[in-house]
Amino acid sequence: MTDAPVAAVLVPGPAVSGPILRLTEPLSFWGGVDPVTGRITDIRHPEHGQCVAGTILLVPETRGSSSSSSIMLELIRAGAAPAALVLDRVDAILVLGILVAREMGLAHPPAYRLPRAAMAELAGIAALDRQGRITCLDALPEQPT
């Protein structure tokens, strides 16, 4: 188990854990992510075919569309959202989708800000607490039944 820097909380939410998915290039959620499955559909993106659902999604920066918030909201509604969204360059439009989901009473992922250099230190599986402390884990914690 290794500790990483503390991420700044952008949108509070529950403590979460999941496999880390680090995007290596900017991604436009509009047209780049399937809002039903969470799969990255942009065929030019290095992480094409991977799924954001249930991941600790590390996004150094986005490529933008003002419709990213609607895709994030649809991901949340479909149960295909990341477990947490961790951004370096904060994309207010993307985060807006999480805020709208919260206002609608939907379970939503927390959002954090963490510098790109700190993201590079993270690999495998991570847990984030409500204060933004990140712990890399050897395995996912067992879920209560």
N, C-alpha and C. Protein backbone atom coordinates (compact mmCIF):
# COMPACT_ATOMS: atom_id res chain seq x y z
N MET A 1 0.84 -1.17 0.00
CA MET A 1 0.00 0.00 0.00
C MET A 1 0.89 1.24 0.00
N THR A 2 0.65 2.17 -0.91
CA THR A 2 1.42 3.41 -0.96
C THR A 2 0.48 4.60 -0.90
N ASP A 3 0.94 5.64 -0.24
CA ASP A 3 0.13 6.85 -0.15
C ASP A 3 0.57 7.84 -1.21
N ALA A 4 -0.39 8.55 -1.76
CA ALA A 4 -0.13 9.56 -2.76
C ALA A 4 -0.57 10.91 -2.19
N PRO A 5 -0.31 11.98 -2.90
CA PRO A 5 -0.75 13.29 -2.43
C PRO A 5 -2.27 13.36 -2.26
N VAL A 6 -2.70 14.36 -1.53
CA VAL A 6 -4.12 14.58 -1.32
C VAL A 6 -4.66 15.41 -2.48
N ALA A 7 -5.77 14.94 -3.06
CA ALA A 7 -6.42 15.65 -4.16
C ALA A 7 -7.39 16.69 -3.59
N ALA A 8 -7.52 17.81 -4.25
CA ALA A 8 -8.48 18.83 -3.85
C ALA A 8 -9.88 18.36 -4.24
N VAL A 9 -10.82 18.47 -3.32
CA VAL A 9 -12.19 18.04 -3.58
C VAL A 9 -12.91 19.13 -4.39
N LEU A 10 -13.42 18.74 -5.57
CA LEU A 10 -14.22 19.64 -6.40
C LEU A 10 -15.70 19.42 -6.15
N VAL A 11 -16.11 18.16 -6.16
CA VAL A 11 -17.50 17.77 -5.87
C VAL A 11 -17.41 16.64 -4.85
N PRO A 12 -17.90 16.88 -3.63
CA PRO A 12 -17.81 15.83 -2.62
C PRO A 12 -18.70 14.64 -2.97
N GLY A 13 -18.32 13.52 -2.43
CA GLY A 13 -19.09 12.30 -2.62
C GLY A 13 -18.59 11.26 -1.65
N PRO A 14 -19.03 10.04 -1.82
CA PRO A 14 -18.64 8.98 -0.90
C PRO A 14 -17.18 8.56 -1.11
N ALA A 15 -16.64 7.87 -0.13
CA ALA A 15 -15.33 7.23 -0.32
C ALA A 15 -15.53 6.17 -1.40
N VAL A 16 -14.55 6.05 -2.29
CA VAL A 16 -14.66 5.13 -3.42
C VAL A 16 -13.34 4.39 -3.64
N SER A 17 -13.43 3.29 -4.36
CA SER A 17 -12.23 2.58 -4.78
C SER A 17 -12.50 1.97 -6.15
N GLY A 18 -11.42 1.68 -6.86
CA GLY A 18 -11.58 1.06 -8.18
C GLY A 18 -10.25 1.01 -8.89
N PRO A 19 -10.25 0.32 -10.02
CA PRO A 19 -9.03 0.30 -10.83
C PRO A 19 -8.78 1.67 -11.42
N ILE A 20 -7.52 2.02 -11.52
CA ILE A 20 -7.14 3.31 -12.10
C ILE A 20 -7.13 3.20 -13.62
N LEU A 21 -7.77 4.17 -14.26
CA LEU A 21 -7.67 4.32 -15.71
C LEU A 21 -7.12 5.71 -15.95
N ARG A 22 -5.86 5.79 -16.39
CA ARG A 22 -5.21 7.07 -16.65
C ARG A 22 -5.27 7.35 -18.14
N LEU A 23 -5.91 8.44 -18.51
CA LEU A 23 -5.95 8.82 -19.92
C LEU A 23 -4.62 9.46 -20.29
N THR A 24 -4.06 9.02 -21.40
CA THR A 24 -2.75 9.52 -21.82
C THR A 24 -2.86 10.68 -22.80
N GLU A 25 -4.05 10.92 -23.30
CA GLU A 25 -4.31 12.04 -24.22
C GLU A 25 -5.62 12.69 -23.82
N PRO A 26 -5.82 13.96 -24.16
CA PRO A 26 -7.12 14.60 -23.90
C PRO A 26 -8.25 13.83 -24.59
N LEU A 27 -9.42 13.84 -23.98
CA LEU A 27 -10.58 13.12 -24.50
C LEU A 27 -11.79 14.04 -24.50
N SER A 28 -12.53 14.02 -25.58
CA SER A 28 -13.82 14.68 -25.62
C SER A 28 -14.88 13.63 -25.24
N PHE A 29 -15.61 13.90 -24.19
CA PHE A 29 -16.65 12.94 -23.79
C PHE A 29 -17.76 12.89 -24.82
N TRP A 30 -18.07 14.05 -25.45
CA TRP A 30 -19.09 14.09 -26.49
C TRP A 30 -18.52 13.42 -27.74
N GLY A 31 -19.04 12.26 -28.09
CA GLY A 31 -18.55 11.53 -29.25
C GLY A 31 -17.35 10.66 -28.96
N GLY A 32 -16.79 10.78 -27.77
CA GLY A 32 -15.61 9.99 -27.42
C GLY A 32 -15.87 8.91 -26.40
N VAL A 33 -17.04 8.98 -25.73
CA VAL A 33 -17.41 8.00 -24.72
C VAL A 33 -18.86 7.60 -24.95
N ASP A 34 -19.12 6.30 -24.97
CA ASP A 34 -20.50 5.81 -25.12
C ASP A 34 -21.22 6.06 -23.79
N PRO A 35 -22.30 6.87 -23.80
CA PRO A 35 -22.97 7.23 -22.55
C PRO A 35 -23.76 6.10 -21.91
N VAL A 36 -23.92 5.00 -22.60
CA VAL A 36 -24.65 3.86 -22.04
C VAL A 36 -23.70 2.84 -21.42
N THR A 37 -22.58 2.58 -22.11
CA THR A 37 -21.66 1.55 -21.65
C THR A 37 -20.43 2.09 -20.93
N GLY A 38 -20.07 3.35 -21.20
CA GLY A 38 -18.87 3.92 -20.63
C GLY A 38 -17.61 3.60 -21.43
N ARG A 39 -17.74 2.94 -22.56
CA ARG A 39 -16.58 2.61 -23.40
C ARG A 39 -16.07 3.85 -24.14
N ILE A 40 -14.76 3.96 -24.23
CA ILE A 40 -14.15 5.03 -25.01
C ILE A 40 -14.27 4.65 -26.48
N THR A 41 -15.01 5.46 -27.24
CA THR A 41 -15.32 5.13 -28.62
C THR A 41 -14.51 5.91 -29.64
N ASP A 42 -13.76 6.90 -29.20
CA ASP A 42 -12.93 7.69 -30.11
C ASP A 42 -11.81 6.79 -30.63
N ILE A 43 -11.87 6.42 -31.90
CA ILE A 43 -10.91 5.46 -32.45
C ILE A 43 -9.49 6.01 -32.51
N ARG A 44 -9.33 7.32 -32.42
CA ARG A 44 -7.99 7.91 -32.42
C ARG A 44 -7.39 8.00 -31.03
N HIS A 45 -8.18 7.72 -30.00
CA HIS A 45 -7.69 7.87 -28.63
C HIS A 45 -6.90 6.63 -28.21
N PRO A 46 -5.75 6.82 -27.55
CA PRO A 46 -4.93 5.66 -27.14
C PRO A 46 -5.66 4.67 -26.24
N GLU A 47 -6.64 5.14 -25.48
CA GLU A 47 -7.39 4.23 -24.60
C GLU A 47 -8.70 3.76 -25.24
N HIS A 48 -8.80 3.86 -26.56
CA HIS A 48 -9.99 3.41 -27.29
C HIS A 48 -10.35 1.98 -26.86
N GLY A 49 -11.63 1.75 -26.59
CA GLY A 49 -12.11 0.43 -26.22
C GLY A 49 -12.13 0.17 -24.72
N GLN A 50 -11.40 0.96 -23.95
CA GLN A 50 -11.43 0.78 -22.50
C GLN A 50 -12.71 1.39 -21.95
N CYS A 51 -13.08 0.95 -20.77
CA CYS A 51 -14.34 1.38 -20.16
C CYS A 51 -14.06 2.22 -18.92
N VAL A 52 -14.71 3.38 -18.82
CA VAL A 52 -14.53 4.27 -17.67
C VAL A 52 -15.38 3.85 -16.48
N ALA A 53 -16.38 3.01 -16.69
CA ALA A 53 -17.31 2.64 -15.63
C ALA A 53 -16.58 2.02 -14.44
N GLY A 54 -16.84 2.56 -13.26
CA GLY A 54 -16.30 2.01 -12.02
C GLY A 54 -14.83 2.28 -11.79
N THR A 55 -14.20 3.08 -12.64
CA THR A 55 -12.77 3.33 -12.50
C THR A 55 -12.51 4.61 -11.71
N ILE A 56 -11.29 4.71 -11.22
CA ILE A 56 -10.78 5.99 -10.76
C ILE A 56 -10.19 6.60 -12.03
N LEU A 57 -10.93 7.49 -12.64
CA LEU A 57 -10.58 8.02 -13.96
C LEU A 57 -9.68 9.24 -13.80
N LEU A 58 -8.42 9.09 -14.22
CA LEU A 58 -7.44 10.17 -14.17
C LEU A 58 -7.41 10.86 -15.52
N VAL A 59 -7.79 12.14 -15.53
CA VAL A 59 -7.92 12.90 -16.77
C VAL A 59 -7.04 14.15 -16.67
N PRO A 60 -5.83 14.08 -17.23
CA PRO A 60 -4.98 15.27 -17.17
C PRO A 60 -5.65 16.49 -17.81
N GLU A 61 -6.31 16.30 -18.94
CA GLU A 61 -7.09 17.38 -19.55
C GLU A 61 -8.10 16.79 -20.53
N THR A 62 -9.14 17.55 -20.77
CA THR A 62 -10.17 17.12 -21.71
C THR A 62 -10.00 17.87 -23.01
N ARG A 63 -10.65 17.36 -24.03
CA ARG A 63 -10.77 18.04 -25.30
C ARG A 63 -12.23 18.38 -25.39
N GLY A 64 -12.56 19.61 -25.71
CA GLY A 64 -13.84 19.96 -25.26
C GLY A 64 -15.01 20.18 -26.12
N SER A 65 -16.07 19.85 -25.51
CA SER A 65 -17.37 20.15 -26.06
C SER A 65 -18.23 20.62 -24.90
N SER A 66 -19.11 21.54 -25.20
CA SER A 66 -20.01 22.02 -24.15
C SER A 66 -21.06 20.96 -23.82
N SER A 67 -21.04 19.85 -24.53
CA SER A 67 -22.00 18.77 -24.27
C SER A 67 -21.43 17.69 -23.36
N SER A 68 -20.18 17.85 -22.91
CA SER A 68 -19.58 16.84 -22.02
C SER A 68 -20.39 16.63 -20.76
N SER A 69 -21.01 17.69 -20.25
CA SER A 69 -21.81 17.55 -19.03
C SER A 69 -22.99 16.61 -19.25
N SER A 70 -23.59 16.66 -20.43
CA SER A 70 -24.73 15.77 -20.69
C SER A 70 -24.27 14.33 -20.81
N ILE A 71 -23.08 14.10 -21.35
CA ILE A 71 -22.56 12.73 -21.43
C ILE A 71 -22.25 12.22 -20.03
N MET A 72 -21.65 13.05 -19.17
CA MET A 72 -21.38 12.63 -17.79
C MET A 72 -22.69 12.31 -17.08
N LEU A 73 -23.69 13.15 -17.24
CA LEU A 73 -24.99 12.90 -16.62
C LEU A 73 -25.59 11.59 -17.12
N GLU A 74 -25.50 11.32 -18.41
CA GLU A 74 -26.01 10.06 -18.96
C GLU A 74 -25.22 8.86 -18.43
N LEU A 75 -23.91 8.99 -18.31
CA LEU A 75 -23.10 7.91 -17.73
C LEU A 75 -23.56 7.60 -16.31
N ILE A 76 -23.81 8.65 -15.54
CA ILE A 76 -24.28 8.47 -14.16
C ILE A 76 -25.64 7.78 -14.15
N ARG A 77 -26.55 8.28 -14.97
CA ARG A 77 -27.90 7.71 -15.03
C ARG A 77 -27.88 6.25 -15.44
N ALA A 78 -26.97 5.90 -16.35
CA ALA A 78 -26.89 4.53 -16.87
C ALA A 78 -26.09 3.59 -15.96
N GLY A 79 -25.50 4.13 -14.90
CA GLY A 79 -24.66 3.29 -14.04
C GLY A 79 -23.32 2.96 -14.67
N ALA A 80 -22.87 3.79 -15.61
CA ALA A 80 -21.62 3.54 -16.34
C ALA A 80 -20.59 4.64 -16.09
N ALA A 81 -20.78 5.42 -15.04
CA ALA A 81 -19.86 6.51 -14.72
C ALA A 81 -18.62 5.98 -14.02
N PRO A 82 -17.54 6.75 -14.04
CA PRO A 82 -16.39 6.37 -13.23
C PRO A 82 -16.75 6.42 -11.75
N ALA A 83 -16.01 5.67 -10.93
CA ALA A 83 -16.22 5.72 -9.48
C ALA A 83 -15.80 7.09 -8.95
N ALA A 84 -14.78 7.69 -9.57
CA ALA A 84 -14.32 9.03 -9.23
C ALA A 84 -13.69 9.65 -10.47
N LEU A 85 -13.81 10.95 -10.57
CA LEU A 85 -13.21 11.72 -11.65
C LEU A 85 -12.10 12.56 -11.04
N VAL A 86 -10.88 12.38 -11.54
CA VAL A 86 -9.72 13.12 -11.04
C VAL A 86 -9.13 13.90 -12.21
N LEU A 87 -9.16 15.21 -12.12
CA LEU A 87 -8.72 16.10 -13.20
C LEU A 87 -7.48 16.88 -12.79
N ASP A 88 -6.63 17.19 -13.76
CA ASP A 88 -5.58 18.17 -13.52
C ASP A 88 -6.13 19.53 -13.92
N ARG A 89 -6.38 19.72 -15.22
CA ARG A 89 -7.00 20.96 -15.68
C ARG A 89 -8.51 20.80 -15.53
N VAL A 90 -9.07 21.53 -14.58
CA VAL A 90 -10.49 21.37 -14.26
C VAL A 90 -11.35 21.79 -15.45
N ASP A 91 -12.25 20.91 -15.84
CA ASP A 91 -13.21 21.17 -16.91
C ASP A 91 -14.57 21.40 -16.25
N ALA A 92 -14.94 22.66 -16.11
CA ALA A 92 -16.18 23.01 -15.42
C ALA A 92 -17.40 22.41 -16.10
N ILE A 93 -17.37 22.29 -17.42
CA ILE A 93 -18.51 21.73 -18.15
C ILE A 93 -18.69 20.25 -17.78
N LEU A 94 -17.60 19.49 -17.75
CA LEU A 94 -17.68 18.08 -17.40
C LEU A 94 -18.15 17.90 -15.96
N VAL A 95 -17.60 18.70 -15.06
CA VAL A 95 -17.99 18.62 -13.65
C VAL A 95 -19.46 19.02 -13.47
N LEU A 96 -19.96 19.90 -14.32
CA LEU A 96 -21.37 20.30 -14.25
C LEU A 96 -22.30 19.09 -14.34
N GLY A 97 -21.95 18.10 -15.15
CA GLY A 97 -22.78 16.89 -15.25
C GLY A 97 -22.92 16.19 -13.90
N ILE A 98 -21.84 16.17 -13.12
CA ILE A 98 -21.88 15.57 -11.79
C ILE A 98 -22.75 16.41 -10.86
N LEU A 99 -22.61 17.73 -10.95
CA LEU A 99 -23.42 18.61 -10.10
C LEU A 99 -24.91 18.48 -10.41
N VAL A 100 -25.25 18.37 -11.69
CA VAL A 100 -26.66 18.20 -12.07
C VAL A 100 -27.18 16.87 -11.52
N ALA A 101 -26.39 15.81 -11.64
CA ALA A 101 -26.80 14.51 -11.10
C ALA A 101 -27.04 14.61 -9.59
N ARG A 102 -26.16 15.32 -8.89
CA ARG A 102 -26.34 15.49 -7.44
C ARG A 102 -27.64 16.22 -7.15
N GLU A 103 -27.93 17.28 -7.91
CA GLU A 103 -29.17 18.03 -7.70
C GLU A 103 -30.40 17.20 -8.01
N MET A 104 -30.26 16.25 -8.93
CA MET A 104 -31.37 15.36 -9.27
C MET A 104 -31.53 14.22 -8.27
N GLY A 105 -30.62 14.14 -7.30
CA GLY A 105 -30.69 13.09 -6.29
C GLY A 105 -30.10 11.76 -6.74
N LEU A 106 -29.32 11.78 -7.82
CA LEU A 106 -28.69 10.54 -8.31
C LEU A 106 -27.38 10.29 -7.57
N ALA A 107 -27.07 9.02 -7.37
CA ALA A 107 -25.75 8.68 -6.84
C ALA A 107 -24.74 9.14 -7.86
N HIS A 108 -23.73 9.88 -7.42
CA HIS A 108 -22.78 10.48 -8.36
C HIS A 108 -21.35 10.27 -7.88
N PRO A 109 -20.42 10.26 -8.82
CA PRO A 109 -19.03 10.13 -8.42
C PRO A 109 -18.50 11.44 -7.85
N PRO A 110 -17.58 11.36 -6.92
CA PRO A 110 -16.91 12.58 -6.49
C PRO A 110 -15.95 13.04 -7.58
N ALA A 111 -15.61 14.31 -7.55
CA ALA A 111 -14.63 14.86 -8.49
C ALA A 111 -13.53 15.55 -7.70
N TYR A 112 -12.31 15.39 -8.18
CA TYR A 112 -11.13 15.93 -7.50
C TYR A 112 -10.22 16.60 -8.50
N ARG A 113 -9.31 17.42 -7.98
CA ARG A 113 -8.23 17.99 -8.78
C ARG A 113 -6.91 17.50 -8.21
N LEU A 114 -6.07 16.98 -9.10
CA LEU A 114 -4.75 16.48 -8.73
C LEU A 114 -3.79 16.82 -9.86
N PRO A 115 -2.63 17.40 -9.55
CA PRO A 115 -1.68 17.72 -10.62
C PRO A 115 -1.25 16.49 -11.40
N ARG A 116 -1.01 16.70 -12.68
CA ARG A 116 -0.60 15.63 -13.60
C ARG A 116 0.59 14.84 -13.07
N ALA A 117 1.57 15.52 -12.49
CA ALA A 117 2.76 14.83 -11.97
C ALA A 117 2.38 13.84 -10.87
N ALA A 118 1.43 14.20 -10.03
CA ALA A 118 0.97 13.29 -8.97
C ALA A 118 0.17 12.13 -9.56
N MET A 119 -0.58 12.39 -10.64
CA MET A 119 -1.32 11.32 -11.31
C MET A 119 -0.36 10.25 -11.82
N ALA A 120 0.80 10.68 -12.30
CA ALA A 120 1.76 9.74 -12.88
C ALA A 120 2.28 8.73 -11.86
N GLU A 121 2.17 9.06 -10.58
CA GLU A 121 2.63 8.16 -9.52
C GLU A 121 1.61 7.06 -9.22
N LEU A 122 0.40 7.19 -9.70
CA LEU A 122 -0.68 6.26 -9.36
C LEU A 122 -0.81 5.15 -10.39
N ALA A 123 -1.00 3.94 -9.91
CA ALA A 123 -1.19 2.80 -10.80
C ALA A 123 -1.95 1.71 -10.06
N GLY A 124 -2.58 0.84 -10.83
CA GLY A 124 -3.25 -0.32 -10.24
C GLY A 124 -4.64 0.00 -9.75
N ILE A 125 -4.82 -0.09 -8.45
CA ILE A 125 -6.12 0.10 -7.80
C ILE A 125 -5.94 1.20 -6.76
N ALA A 126 -6.94 2.06 -6.63
CA ALA A 126 -6.83 3.15 -5.66
C ALA A 126 -8.13 3.30 -4.88
N ALA A 127 -7.98 3.84 -3.68
CA ALA A 127 -9.12 4.23 -2.85
C ALA A 127 -8.98 5.72 -2.58
N LEU A 128 -10.10 6.43 -2.64
CA LEU A 128 -10.13 7.85 -2.31
C LEU A 128 -11.12 8.04 -1.18
N ASP A 129 -10.70 8.77 -0.14
CA ASP A 129 -11.65 9.05 0.93
C ASP A 129 -12.34 10.38 0.64
N ARG A 130 -13.25 10.75 1.50
CA ARG A 130 -14.06 11.96 1.27
C ARG A 130 -13.23 13.24 1.28
N GLN A 131 -12.04 13.20 1.90
CA GLN A 131 -11.18 14.37 1.97
C GLN A 131 -10.18 14.43 0.81
N GLY A 132 -10.20 13.43 -0.10
CA GLY A 132 -9.32 13.43 -1.25
C GLY A 132 -8.00 12.69 -1.04
N ARG A 133 -7.85 12.02 0.12
CA ARG A 133 -6.63 11.22 0.32
C ARG A 133 -6.71 9.98 -0.55
N ILE A 134 -5.63 9.74 -1.28
CA ILE A 134 -5.58 8.62 -2.22
C ILE A 134 -4.62 7.57 -1.69
N THR A 135 -5.07 6.33 -1.70
CA THR A 135 -4.22 5.22 -1.30
C THR A 135 -4.23 4.20 -2.42
N CYS A 136 -3.04 3.80 -2.88
CA CYS A 136 -2.94 2.73 -3.87
C CYS A 136 -3.03 1.41 -3.12
N LEU A 137 -3.82 0.49 -3.65
CA LEU A 137 -4.09 -0.79 -2.99
C LEU A 137 -3.55 -1.94 -3.82
N ASP A 138 -3.39 -3.08 -3.16
CA ASP A 138 -2.99 -4.30 -3.85
C ASP A 138 -4.20 -5.00 -4.47
N ALA A 139 -5.38 -4.79 -3.89
CA ALA A 139 -6.61 -5.43 -4.38
C ALA A 139 -7.79 -4.56 -3.98
N LEU A 140 -8.90 -4.73 -4.67
CA LEU A 140 -10.12 -3.99 -4.30
C LEU A 140 -10.63 -4.47 -2.95
N PRO A 141 -11.11 -3.56 -2.11
CA PRO A 141 -11.70 -3.98 -0.84
C PRO A 141 -12.95 -4.82 -1.10
N GLU A 142 -13.20 -5.76 -0.21
CA GLU A 142 -14.42 -6.58 -0.35
C GLU A 142 -15.62 -5.72 -0.07
N GLN A 143 -16.64 -5.89 -0.89
CA GLN A 143 -17.90 -5.17 -0.72
C GLN A 143 -18.81 -5.93 0.22
N PRO A 144 -19.49 -5.23 1.14
CA PRO A 144 -20.43 -5.93 2.01
C PRO A 144 -21.57 -6.54 1.21
N THR A 145 -22.01 -7.69 1.63
CA THR A 145 -23.12 -8.36 0.91
C THR A 145 -24.44 -8.15 1.58
